[in-house]
C-alpha atoms as a PDB file:
ATOM      1  CA  UNK A   1      88.734  94.394 105.925  1.00  0.00           C
ATOM      2  CA  UNK A   2      89.739  95.220 102.346  1.00  0.00           C
ATOM      3  CA  UNK A   3      88.902  98.485 100.904  1.00  0.00           C
ATOM      4  CA  UNK A   4      87.632  99.153  97.433  1.00  0.00           C
ATOM      5  CA  UNK A   5      89.947  99.539  94.479  1.00  0.00           C
ATOM      6  CA  UNK A   6      88.769 103.188  94.212  1.00  0.00           C
ATOM      7  CA  UNK A   7      89.491 103.858  98.005  1.00  0.00           C
ATOM      8  CA  UNK A   8      92.692 102.361  97.473  1.00  0.00           C
ATOM      9  CA  UNK A   9      93.594 104.494  94.609  1.00  0.00           C
ATOM     10  CA  UNK A  10      92.419 107.563  96.379  1.00  0.00           C
ATOM     11  CA  UNK A  11      94.219 107.060  99.768  1.00  0.00           C
ATOM     12  CA  UNK A  12      97.371 105.383  98.413  1.00  0.00           C
ATOM     13  CA  UNK A  13      97.852 107.117  95.093  1.00  0.00           C
ATOM     14  CA  UNK A  14      96.462 110.654  95.281  1.00  0.00           C
ATOM     15  CA  UNK A  15      99.167 113.301  94.707  1.00  0.00           C
ATOM     16  CA  UNK A  16     101.993 110.856  94.372  1.00  0.00           C
ATOM     17  CA  UNK A  17     104.485 111.523  91.569  1.00  0.00           C
ATOM     18  CA  UNK A  18     105.124 109.152  88.720  1.00  0.00           C
ATOM     19  CA  UNK A  19     108.080 107.321  90.080  1.00  0.00           C
ATOM     20  CA  UNK A  20     106.058 106.461  93.344  1.00  0.00           C
ATOM     21  CA  UNK A  21     103.272 105.173  91.366  1.00  0.00           C
ATOM     22  CA  UNK A  22     105.543 102.748  89.701  1.00  0.00           C
ATOM     23  CA  UNK A  23     106.883 101.630  92.980  1.00  0.00           C
ATOM     24  CA  UNK A  24     103.209 100.698  94.037  1.00  0.00           C
ATOM     25  CA  UNK A  25     102.644  99.229  90.681  1.00  0.00           C
ATOM     26  CA  UNK A  26     105.685  96.845  91.297  1.00  0.00           C
ATOM     27  CA  UNK A  27     104.641  95.858  94.661  1.00  0.00           C
ATOM     28  CA  UNK A  28     101.147  94.900  93.489  1.00  0.00           C
ATOM     29  CA  UNK A  29     102.446  92.968  90.395  1.00  0.00           C
ATOM     30  CA  UNK A  30     104.736  91.046  92.749  1.00  0.00           C
ATOM     31  CA  UNK A  31     101.714  89.861  94.775  1.00  0.00           C
ATOM     32  CA  UNK A  32      99.796  88.979  91.585  1.00  0.00           C
ATOM     33  CA  UNK A  33     102.717  86.897  90.264  1.00  0.00           C
ATOM     34  CA  UNK A  34     103.375  85.161  93.494  1.00  0.00           C
ATOM     35  CA  UNK A  35      99.633  84.234  93.495  1.00  0.00           C
ATOM     36  CA  UNK A  36      99.706  83.238  89.920  1.00  0.00           C
ATOM     37  CA  UNK A  37     102.927  80.879  90.435  1.00  0.00           C
ATOM     38  CA  UNK A  38     101.394  79.398  93.700  1.00  0.00           C
ATOM     39  CA  UNK A  39     103.989  80.778  95.848  1.00  0.00           C
ATOM     40  CA  UNK A  40     101.778  81.989  98.533  1.00  0.00           C
ATOM     41  CA  UNK A  41     103.238  81.598 101.874  1.00  0.00           C
ATOM     42  CA  UNK A  42     101.603  79.106 104.276  1.00  0.00           C
ATOM     43  CA  UNK A  43     100.300  81.609 106.773  1.00  0.00           C
ATOM     44  CA  UNK A  44      98.416  83.357 103.906  1.00  0.00           C
ATOM     45  CA  UNK A  45      96.809  80.432 102.509  1.00  0.00           C
ATOM     46  CA  UNK A  46      93.879  80.239 105.095  1.00  0.00           C
ATOM     47  CA  UNK A  47      93.528  84.013 105.627  1.00  0.00           C
ATOM     48  CA  UNK A  48      90.548  85.894 105.372  1.00  0.00           C
ATOM     49  CA  UNK A  49      90.076  87.495 102.986  1.00  0.00           C
ATOM     50  CA  UNK A  50      91.335  84.460 100.671  1.00  0.00           C
ATOM     51  CA  UNK A  51      94.084  84.773  98.496  1.00  0.00           C
ATOM     52  CA  UNK A  52      91.793  84.453  95.702  1.00  0.00           C
ATOM     53  CA  UNK A  53      89.827  87.627  96.681  1.00  0.00           C
ATOM     54  CA  UNK A  54      93.183  89.501  97.436  1.00  0.00           C
ATOM     55  CA  UNK A  55      94.395  88.491  93.846  1.00  0.00           C
ATOM     56  CA  UNK A  56      91.212  89.894  92.160  1.00  0.00           C
ATOM     57  CA  UNK A  57      91.249  92.980  94.296  1.00  0.00           C
ATOM     58  CA  UNK A  58      95.068  93.491  93.243  1.00  0.00           C
ATOM     59  CA  UNK A  59      93.911  93.063  89.493  1.00  0.00           C
ATOM     60  CA  UNK A  60      91.306  95.651  89.874  1.00  0.00           C
ATOM     61  CA  UNK A  61      93.748  98.043  91.570  1.00  0.00           C
ATOM     62  CA  UNK A  62      96.223  97.666  89.130  1.00  0.00           C
ATOM     63  CA  UNK A  63      93.519  98.529  86.114  1.00  0.00           C
ATOM     64  CA  UNK A  64      92.957 101.842  87.895  1.00  0.00           C
ATOM     65  CA  UNK A  65      96.454 102.496  88.642  1.00  0.00           C
ATOM     66  CA  UNK A  66      97.803 101.933  84.941  1.00  0.00           C
ATOM     67  CA  UNK A  67      95.326 104.907  84.238  1.00  0.00           C
ATOM     68  CA  UNK A  68      96.759 107.081  87.084  1.00  0.00           C
ATOM     69  CA  UNK A  69     100.228 106.199  86.047  1.00  0.00           C
ATOM     70  CA  UNK A  70      99.504 107.160  82.325  1.00  0.00           C
ATOM     71  CA  UNK A  71      98.170 110.483  83.673  1.00  0.00           C
ATOM     72  CA  UNK A  72     101.129 111.166  85.963  1.00  0.00           C
ATOM     73  CA  UNK A  73     103.523 110.270  83.035  1.00  0.00           C
ATOM     74  CA  UNK A  74     101.791 112.561  80.740  1.00  0.00           C
ATOM     75  CA  UNK A  75     101.801 115.649  83.274  1.00  0.00           C
ATOM     76  CA  UNK A  76     105.740 114.972  83.854  1.00  0.00           C
ATOM     77  CA  UNK A  77     106.572 114.749  80.201  1.00  0.00           C
ATOM     78  CA  UNK A  78     104.413 117.820  79.291  1.00  0.00           C
ATOM     79  CA  UNK A  79     106.036 119.736  82.107  1.00  0.00           C
ATOM     80  CA  UNK A  80     109.663 118.763  81.051  1.00  0.00           C
ATOM     81  CA  UNK A  81     108.629 119.534  77.375  1.00  0.00           C
ATOM     82  CA  UNK A  82     107.790 123.027  78.382  1.00  0.00           C
ATOM     83  CA  UNK A  83     110.717 123.542  80.438  1.00  0.00           C
ATOM     84  CA  UNK A  84     108.493 123.857  83.511  1.00  0.00           C
ATOM     85  CA  UNK A  85     110.664 121.857  85.957  1.00  0.00           C
ATOM     86  CA  UNK A  86     113.396 124.537  85.414  1.00  0.00           C
ATOM     87  CA  UNK A  87     111.112 127.351  86.080  1.00  0.00           C
ATOM     88  CA  UNK A  88     109.777 125.921  89.183  1.00  0.00           C
ATOM     89  CA  UNK A  89     113.432 125.391  90.488  1.00  0.00           C
ATOM     90  CA  UNK A  90     114.129 128.884  89.873  1.00  0.00           C
ATOM     91  CA  UNK A  91     111.386 130.448  91.923  1.00  0.00           C
END
């Protein structure tokens, strides 16, 4: 059973740093590209949910994930700009 895009983001992405969110994004994009190019493994062609449903879900997850990535990037660059990383390391 597939989870909703919102649930996926909450369970798989909550609290993850920027770099980890990029890894998740790259994995989802790999699945999207495989579907779009027709490179779907034979064993996945007749699965339930369908490859089409998984593709649509991946796109919805990516739309939410991009927002989460932007927020994480903003937090990291803001902390870096204010020198917060150095202070946290010193404590």
